[in-house]
Amino acid sequence: MYLESKAIELLALLMEEETEIHQDDAQTALLDLDYRDRIHYAQEILLKNLTDPPSLMELAQQIGMCDYNLKRGFKEVFDSTVFDYLRDRRMEKAQQLLLDGQLKIATVARAVGYDSPTSFNAAFKRKFGMSPKVYQLSVRK
């Protein structure tokens, strides 16, 4: 009878421990979901403000995170730094505008947040392997 009661006590302790583990996992999952939601919200903010994005600190404040967690989370979720993500979205938008063929390159540069056409040209060339002018001419053919 003594051994039987000890076996039941052990089972009760194991069940209690298993319940605690599941509760911790559920809480971690909720925190992880909130964390990812905040990172996606940061992405939305960046996409809405391509031409004049907030600084990293401002963005972190807007989503209620410290800048370190924002940078780390952005890398986890999008496999990119915040700055690289922003630059890539700007270049994609510039590519679309250049495909349209209606705007001058300097206008496209300003439309995607570059004050200097020279820095825009350099960023575009790094991303696509050709200058915006060459790209624009190649799509007109």
N, C-alpha and C. Protein backbone atom coordinates (compact mmCIF):
# COMPACT_ATOMS: atom_id res chain seq x y z
N MET A 1 0.83 -1.19 0.00
CA MET A 1 0.00 0.00 0.00
C MET A 1 0.88 1.27 0.00
N TYR A 2 1.98 1.23 0.76
CA TYR A 2 2.90 2.36 0.83
C TYR A 2 3.49 2.64 -0.55
N LEU A 3 3.96 1.60 -1.23
CA LEU A 3 4.56 1.77 -2.56
C LEU A 3 3.52 2.29 -3.56
N GLU A 4 2.31 1.82 -3.44
CA GLU A 4 1.24 2.27 -4.33
C GLU A 4 0.98 3.76 -4.14
N SER A 5 0.97 4.23 -2.90
CA SER A 5 0.74 5.66 -2.64
C SER A 5 1.92 6.49 -3.15
N LYS A 6 3.13 5.99 -3.02
CA LYS A 6 4.31 6.71 -3.55
C LYS A 6 4.26 6.78 -5.07
N ALA A 7 3.82 5.73 -5.71
CA ALA A 7 3.69 5.71 -7.17
C ALA A 7 2.65 6.73 -7.62
N ILE A 8 1.54 6.82 -6.91
CA ILE A 8 0.49 7.79 -7.23
C ILE A 8 1.01 9.21 -7.00
N GLU A 9 1.76 9.41 -5.93
CA GLU A 9 2.35 10.72 -5.65
C GLU A 9 3.31 11.13 -6.77
N LEU A 10 4.13 10.21 -7.23
CA LEU A 10 5.05 10.50 -8.35
C LEU A 10 4.28 10.86 -9.62
N LEU A 11 3.22 10.13 -9.90
CA LEU A 11 2.38 10.43 -11.08
C LEU A 11 1.77 11.82 -10.96
N ALA A 12 1.31 12.15 -9.77
CA ALA A 12 0.72 13.47 -9.55
C ALA A 12 1.75 14.57 -9.78
N LEU A 13 2.97 14.37 -9.27
CA LEU A 13 4.04 15.35 -9.47
C LEU A 13 4.40 15.48 -10.95
N LEU A 14 4.47 14.39 -11.67
CA LEU A 14 4.76 14.42 -13.11
C LEU A 14 3.68 15.16 -13.88
N MET A 15 2.42 14.90 -13.51
CA MET A 15 1.31 15.57 -14.20
C MET A 15 1.34 17.07 -13.91
N GLU A 16 1.65 17.45 -12.69
CA GLU A 16 1.73 18.86 -12.32
C GLU A 16 2.86 19.55 -13.11
N GLU A 17 3.99 18.88 -13.19
CA GLU A 17 5.12 19.44 -13.93
C GLU A 17 4.78 19.59 -15.41
N GLU A 18 4.13 18.60 -15.98
CA GLU A 18 3.73 18.64 -17.39
C GLU A 18 2.74 19.77 -17.63
N THR A 19 1.83 20.00 -16.73
CA THR A 19 0.86 21.08 -16.84
C THR A 19 1.57 22.43 -16.82
N GLU A 20 2.55 22.60 -15.93
CA GLU A 20 3.32 23.84 -15.86
C GLU A 20 4.08 24.09 -17.16
N ILE A 21 4.65 23.04 -17.71
CA ILE A 21 5.40 23.17 -18.97
C ILE A 21 4.47 23.65 -20.08
N HIS A 22 3.28 23.07 -20.18
CA HIS A 22 2.32 23.47 -21.21
C HIS A 22 1.85 24.90 -21.02
N GLN A 23 1.68 25.31 -19.77
CA GLN A 23 1.28 26.69 -19.50
C GLN A 23 2.39 27.65 -19.91
N ASP A 24 3.64 27.30 -19.60
CA ASP A 24 4.77 28.13 -20.01
C ASP A 24 4.88 28.21 -21.52
N ASP A 25 4.67 27.07 -22.21
CA ASP A 25 4.71 27.05 -23.67
C ASP A 25 3.62 27.94 -24.26
N ALA A 26 2.43 27.89 -23.68
CA ALA A 26 1.32 28.71 -24.17
C ALA A 26 1.63 30.19 -23.97
N GLN A 27 2.19 30.54 -22.83
CA GLN A 27 2.54 31.94 -22.55
C GLN A 27 3.65 32.40 -23.50
N THR A 28 4.64 31.54 -23.73
CA THR A 28 5.71 31.87 -24.66
C THR A 28 5.17 32.06 -26.07
N ALA A 29 4.22 31.22 -26.48
CA ALA A 29 3.62 31.34 -27.81
C ALA A 29 2.88 32.67 -27.94
N LEU A 30 2.18 33.08 -26.89
CA LEU A 30 1.48 34.37 -26.94
C LEU A 30 2.47 35.52 -27.02
N LEU A 31 3.55 35.44 -26.25
CA LEU A 31 4.57 36.48 -26.32
C LEU A 31 5.22 36.52 -27.70
N ASP A 32 5.48 35.34 -28.26
CA ASP A 32 6.10 35.25 -29.57
C ASP A 32 5.16 35.83 -30.63
N LEU A 33 3.87 35.58 -30.50
CA LEU A 33 2.90 36.13 -31.44
C LEU A 33 2.85 37.66 -31.34
N ASP A 34 2.85 38.19 -30.13
CA ASP A 34 2.86 39.64 -29.93
C ASP A 34 4.14 40.24 -30.50
N TYR A 35 5.25 39.59 -30.28
CA TYR A 35 6.56 40.02 -30.78
C TYR A 35 6.52 40.11 -32.30
N ARG A 36 6.04 39.07 -32.95
CA ARG A 36 5.97 39.04 -34.42
C ARG A 36 4.98 40.09 -34.93
N ASP A 37 3.88 40.27 -34.23
CA ASP A 37 2.91 41.30 -34.64
C ASP A 37 3.55 42.69 -34.62
N ARG A 38 4.36 42.94 -33.61
CA ARG A 38 5.03 44.24 -33.52
C ARG A 38 6.03 44.42 -34.65
N ILE A 39 6.73 43.36 -35.00
CA ILE A 39 7.69 43.43 -36.10
C ILE A 39 6.95 43.69 -37.42
N HIS A 40 5.84 43.04 -37.62
CA HIS A 40 5.04 43.27 -38.83
C HIS A 40 4.46 44.68 -38.84
N TYR A 41 4.12 45.19 -37.69
CA TYR A 41 3.65 46.58 -37.61
C TYR A 41 4.77 47.54 -38.00
N ALA A 42 5.99 47.24 -37.58
CA ALA A 42 7.14 48.06 -37.98
C ALA A 42 7.30 48.03 -39.50
N GLN A 43 7.10 46.87 -40.09
CA GLN A 43 7.16 46.75 -41.55
C GLN A 43 6.11 47.64 -42.21
N GLU A 44 4.90 47.62 -41.70
CA GLU A 44 3.83 48.47 -42.24
C GLU A 44 4.20 49.95 -42.16
N ILE A 45 4.76 50.34 -41.04
CA ILE A 45 5.16 51.74 -40.86
C ILE A 45 6.20 52.12 -41.91
N LEU A 46 7.18 51.25 -42.11
CA LEU A 46 8.21 51.52 -43.11
C LEU A 46 7.62 51.63 -44.52
N LEU A 47 6.72 50.72 -44.85
CA LEU A 47 6.13 50.73 -46.19
C LEU A 47 5.27 51.97 -46.43
N LYS A 48 4.63 52.46 -45.39
CA LYS A 48 3.81 53.67 -45.52
C LYS A 48 4.65 54.93 -45.60
N ASN A 49 5.89 54.85 -45.13
CA ASN A 49 6.76 56.03 -45.06
C ASN A 49 8.07 55.80 -45.81
N LEU A 50 8.00 55.27 -47.02
CA LEU A 50 9.22 54.98 -47.78
C LEU A 50 10.06 56.23 -48.02
N THR A 51 9.40 57.35 -48.31
CA THR A 51 10.15 58.56 -48.64
C THR A 51 10.71 59.26 -47.42
N ASP A 52 10.07 59.11 -46.29
CA ASP A 52 10.53 59.77 -45.07
C ASP A 52 10.33 58.83 -43.88
N PRO A 53 11.13 57.76 -43.80
CA PRO A 53 10.93 56.78 -42.74
C PRO A 53 11.40 57.30 -41.39
N PRO A 54 10.82 56.76 -40.32
CA PRO A 54 11.30 57.14 -38.99
C PRO A 54 12.69 56.55 -38.74
N SER A 55 13.41 57.14 -37.82
CA SER A 55 14.70 56.58 -37.43
C SER A 55 14.45 55.24 -36.73
N LEU A 56 15.50 54.49 -36.55
CA LEU A 56 15.37 53.20 -35.88
C LEU A 56 14.80 53.37 -34.47
N MET A 57 15.28 54.38 -33.76
CA MET A 57 14.79 54.64 -32.40
C MET A 57 13.31 55.02 -32.42
N GLU A 58 12.93 55.89 -33.36
CA GLU A 58 11.52 56.30 -33.46
C GLU A 58 10.63 55.11 -33.80
N LEU A 59 11.10 54.29 -34.72
CA LEU A 59 10.33 53.10 -35.11
C LEU A 59 10.17 52.16 -33.93
N ALA A 60 11.23 51.96 -33.19
CA ALA A 60 11.17 51.08 -32.01
C ALA A 60 10.17 51.64 -30.99
N GLN A 61 10.17 52.94 -30.79
CA GLN A 61 9.22 53.56 -29.85
C GLN A 61 7.79 53.39 -30.35
N GLN A 62 7.57 53.55 -31.64
CA GLN A 62 6.22 53.43 -32.19
C GLN A 62 5.63 52.05 -32.00
N ILE A 63 6.48 51.02 -32.02
CA ILE A 63 5.95 49.66 -31.87
C ILE A 63 6.11 49.12 -30.44
N GLY A 64 6.69 49.94 -29.56
CA GLY A 64 6.80 49.55 -28.16
C GLY A 64 7.89 48.52 -27.89
N MET A 65 9.02 48.66 -28.55
CA MET A 65 10.16 47.76 -28.35
C MET A 65 11.42 48.59 -28.22
N CYS A 66 12.45 47.97 -27.70
CA CYS A 66 13.75 48.64 -27.74
C CYS A 66 14.36 48.41 -29.12
N ASP A 67 15.29 49.25 -29.49
CA ASP A 67 15.87 49.14 -30.83
C ASP A 67 16.60 47.82 -31.05
N TYR A 68 17.22 47.28 -30.01
CA TYR A 68 17.91 46.00 -30.13
C TYR A 68 16.93 44.89 -30.52
N ASN A 69 15.78 44.81 -29.82
CA ASN A 69 14.80 43.78 -30.13
C ASN A 69 14.18 43.99 -31.51
N LEU A 70 14.01 45.25 -31.90
CA LEU A 70 13.50 45.53 -33.24
C LEU A 70 14.47 45.00 -34.29
N LYS A 71 15.75 45.32 -34.14
CA LYS A 71 16.74 44.86 -35.12
C LYS A 71 16.82 43.34 -35.16
N ARG A 72 16.85 42.74 -33.99
CA ARG A 72 16.94 41.27 -33.91
C ARG A 72 15.69 40.61 -34.48
N GLY A 73 14.52 41.15 -34.11
CA GLY A 73 13.27 40.58 -34.59
C GLY A 73 13.09 40.75 -36.09
N PHE A 74 13.50 41.89 -36.61
CA PHE A 74 13.38 42.14 -38.04
C PHE A 74 14.23 41.14 -38.81
N LYS A 75 15.42 40.88 -38.30
CA LYS A 75 16.31 39.91 -38.94
C LYS A 75 15.70 38.51 -38.90
N GLU A 76 15.08 38.15 -37.77
CA GLU A 76 14.43 36.83 -37.63
C GLU A 76 13.26 36.69 -38.59
N VAL A 77 12.40 37.69 -38.63
CA VAL A 77 11.16 37.59 -39.39
C VAL A 77 11.38 37.79 -40.89
N PHE A 78 12.19 38.77 -41.27
CA PHE A 78 12.35 39.11 -42.68
C PHE A 78 13.71 38.74 -43.25
N ASP A 79 14.58 38.16 -42.44
CA ASP A 79 15.92 37.77 -42.86
C ASP A 79 16.66 38.94 -43.50
N SER A 80 16.47 40.11 -42.92
CA SER A 80 17.06 41.34 -43.44
C SER A 80 17.15 42.35 -42.31
N THR A 81 18.12 43.25 -42.41
CA THR A 81 18.15 44.34 -41.45
C THR A 81 17.05 45.33 -41.81
N VAL A 82 16.71 46.20 -40.89
CA VAL A 82 15.69 47.21 -41.14
C VAL A 82 16.12 48.10 -42.31
N PHE A 83 17.37 48.53 -42.29
CA PHE A 83 17.87 49.41 -43.34
C PHE A 83 17.86 48.71 -44.71
N ASP A 84 18.33 47.46 -44.76
CA ASP A 84 18.34 46.73 -46.04
C ASP A 84 16.92 46.51 -46.57
N TYR A 85 16.00 46.20 -45.66
CA TYR A 85 14.61 46.02 -46.07
C TYR A 85 14.06 47.31 -46.68
N LEU A 86 14.30 48.42 -46.01
CA LEU A 86 13.82 49.71 -46.49
C LEU A 86 14.43 50.03 -47.86
N ARG A 87 15.74 49.85 -47.98
CA ARG A 87 16.41 50.12 -49.26
C ARG A 87 15.85 49.23 -50.39
N ASP A 88 15.64 47.95 -50.10
CA ASP A 88 15.11 47.04 -51.12
C ASP A 88 13.70 47.44 -51.57
N ARG A 89 12.86 47.85 -50.61
CA ARG A 89 11.50 48.28 -50.99
C ARG A 89 11.55 49.57 -51.82
N ARG A 90 12.45 50.47 -51.46
CA ARG A 90 12.62 51.70 -52.23
C ARG A 90 13.06 51.38 -53.66
N MET A 91 14.00 50.47 -53.80
CA MET A 91 14.50 50.11 -55.13
C MET A 91 13.42 49.41 -55.95
N GLU A 92 12.61 48.58 -55.32
CA GLU A 92 11.51 47.93 -56.03
C GLU A 92 10.50 48.96 -56.53
N LYS A 93 10.20 49.94 -55.68
CA LYS A 93 9.28 51.00 -56.11
C LYS A 93 9.90 51.83 -57.23
N ALA A 94 11.19 52.12 -57.13
CA ALA A 94 11.88 52.86 -58.17
C ALA A 94 11.84 52.08 -59.48
N GLN A 95 12.04 50.80 -59.40
CA GLN A 95 11.99 49.95 -60.59
C GLN A 95 10.62 50.05 -61.26
N GLN A 96 9.57 50.01 -60.47
CA GLN A 96 8.20 50.13 -61.01
C GLN A 96 8.01 51.48 -61.68
N LEU A 97 8.47 52.53 -61.02
CA LEU A 97 8.31 53.87 -61.59
C LEU A 97 9.11 54.02 -62.88
N LEU A 98 10.29 53.44 -62.94
CA LEU A 98 11.10 53.51 -64.14
C LEU A 98 10.48 52.68 -65.27
N LEU A 99 9.84 51.58 -64.92
CA LEU A 99 9.14 50.77 -65.93
C LEU A 99 8.04 51.57 -66.60
N ASP A 100 7.40 52.40 -65.81
CA ASP A 100 6.33 53.26 -66.31
C ASP A 100 6.86 54.19 -67.40
N GLY A 101 8.09 54.66 -67.22
CA GLY A 101 8.73 55.49 -68.23
C GLY A 101 8.26 56.92 -68.30
N GLN A 102 7.39 57.34 -67.40
CA GLN A 102 6.83 58.68 -67.45
C GLN A 102 7.65 59.71 -66.67
N LEU A 103 8.45 59.25 -65.74
CA LEU A 103 9.16 60.16 -64.85
C LEU A 103 10.66 60.20 -65.17
N LYS A 104 11.25 61.35 -64.89
CA LYS A 104 12.70 61.48 -65.01
C LYS A 104 13.34 60.78 -63.82
N ILE A 105 14.59 60.42 -63.97
CA ILE A 105 15.30 59.68 -62.93
C ILE A 105 15.39 60.49 -61.64
N ALA A 106 15.64 61.78 -61.74
CA ALA A 106 15.71 62.62 -60.54
C ALA A 106 14.37 62.63 -59.81
N THR A 107 13.28 62.62 -60.56
CA THR A 107 11.94 62.60 -59.95
C THR A 107 11.69 61.26 -59.27
N VAL A 108 12.12 60.19 -59.91
CA VAL A 108 11.98 58.85 -59.31
C VAL A 108 12.79 58.79 -58.02
N ALA A 109 14.00 59.33 -58.06
CA ALA A 109 14.86 59.32 -56.87
C ALA A 109 14.15 60.01 -55.70
N ARG A 110 13.58 61.17 -55.96
CA ARG A 110 12.87 61.90 -54.89
C ARG A 110 11.62 61.13 -54.44
N ALA A 111 10.96 60.48 -55.39
CA ALA A 111 9.72 59.75 -55.08
C ALA A 111 9.97 58.56 -54.15
N VAL A 112 11.19 58.05 -54.15
CA VAL A 112 11.49 56.91 -53.27
C VAL A 112 12.38 57.31 -52.09
N GLY A 113 12.53 58.63 -51.87
CA GLY A 113 13.19 59.09 -50.66
C GLY A 113 14.66 59.44 -50.77
N TYR A 114 15.17 59.58 -51.98
CA TYR A 114 16.57 59.98 -52.16
C TYR A 114 16.62 61.45 -52.54
N ASP A 115 17.36 62.23 -51.77
CA ASP A 115 17.54 63.65 -52.09
C ASP A 115 18.56 63.84 -53.20
N SER A 116 19.49 62.93 -53.28
CA SER A 116 20.58 63.03 -54.25
C SER A 116 20.41 61.99 -55.36
N PRO A 117 20.29 62.44 -56.61
CA PRO A 117 20.23 61.48 -57.71
C PRO A 117 21.48 60.60 -57.79
N THR A 118 22.63 61.14 -57.37
CA THR A 118 23.87 60.37 -57.40
C THR A 118 23.80 59.17 -56.44
N SER A 119 23.32 59.41 -55.23
CA SER A 119 23.21 58.30 -54.27
C SER A 119 22.13 57.32 -54.71
N PHE A 120 21.07 57.82 -55.34
CA PHE A 120 20.04 56.94 -55.89
C PHE A 120 20.63 56.06 -57.00
N ASN A 121 21.39 56.68 -57.90
CA ASN A 121 22.02 55.91 -58.99
C ASN A 121 22.91 54.80 -58.44
N ALA A 122 23.70 55.12 -57.42
CA ALA A 122 24.61 54.13 -56.83
C ALA A 122 23.82 52.99 -56.18
N ALA A 123 22.77 53.32 -55.45
CA ALA A 123 21.96 52.28 -54.78
C ALA A 123 21.25 51.41 -55.81
N PHE A 124 20.73 52.03 -56.86
CA PHE A 124 20.03 51.28 -57.91
C PHE A 124 21.00 50.33 -58.61
N LYS A 125 22.18 50.82 -58.91
CA LYS A 125 23.18 50.00 -59.59
C LYS A 125 23.62 48.83 -58.72
N ARG A 126 23.78 49.06 -57.41
CA ARG A 126 24.13 47.96 -56.50
C ARG A 126 23.04 46.89 -56.48
N LYS A 127 21.79 47.33 -56.52
CA LYS A 127 20.67 46.38 -56.42
C LYS A 127 20.44 45.63 -57.73
N PHE A 128 20.47 46.33 -58.86
CA PHE A 128 20.07 45.73 -60.12
C PHE A 128 21.21 45.53 -61.13
N GLY A 129 22.40 45.99 -60.78
CA GLY A 129 23.54 45.76 -61.66
C GLY A 129 23.62 46.68 -62.86
N MET A 130 22.78 47.68 -62.91
CA MET A 130 22.83 48.68 -63.98
C MET A 130 22.28 49.99 -63.46
N SER A 131 22.65 51.06 -64.13
CA SER A 131 22.18 52.38 -63.70
C SER A 131 20.69 52.51 -64.03
N PRO A 132 20.00 53.44 -63.37
CA PRO A 132 18.59 53.65 -63.67
C PRO A 132 18.37 54.03 -65.15
N LYS A 133 19.28 54.81 -65.71
CA LYS A 133 19.14 55.24 -67.10
C LYS A 133 19.23 54.04 -68.04
N VAL A 134 20.22 53.18 -67.82
CA VAL A 134 20.37 51.98 -68.65
C VAL A 134 19.14 51.09 -68.49
N TYR A 135 18.67 50.96 -67.26
CA TYR A 135 17.47 50.15 -67.01
C TYR A 135 16.27 50.72 -67.76
N GLN A 136 16.09 52.02 -67.65
CA GLN A 136 14.96 52.67 -68.31
C GLN A 136 15.03 52.50 -69.82
N LEU A 137 16.21 52.63 -70.40
CA LEU A 137 16.39 52.44 -71.84
C LEU A 137 16.14 50.99 -72.25
N SER A 138 16.56 50.05 -71.41
CA SER A 138 16.40 48.64 -71.75
C SER A 138 14.94 48.20 -71.73
N VAL A 139 14.12 48.80 -70.89
CA VAL A 139 12.71 48.41 -70.86
C VAL A 139 11.89 49.11 -71.94
N ARG A 140 12.43 50.16 -72.52
CA ARG A 140 11.71 50.86 -73.59
C ARG A 140 11.81 50.13 -74.92
N LYS A 141 12.84 49.31 -75.05
CA LYS A 141 13.07 48.59 -76.32
C LYS A 141 12.05 47.53 -76.56
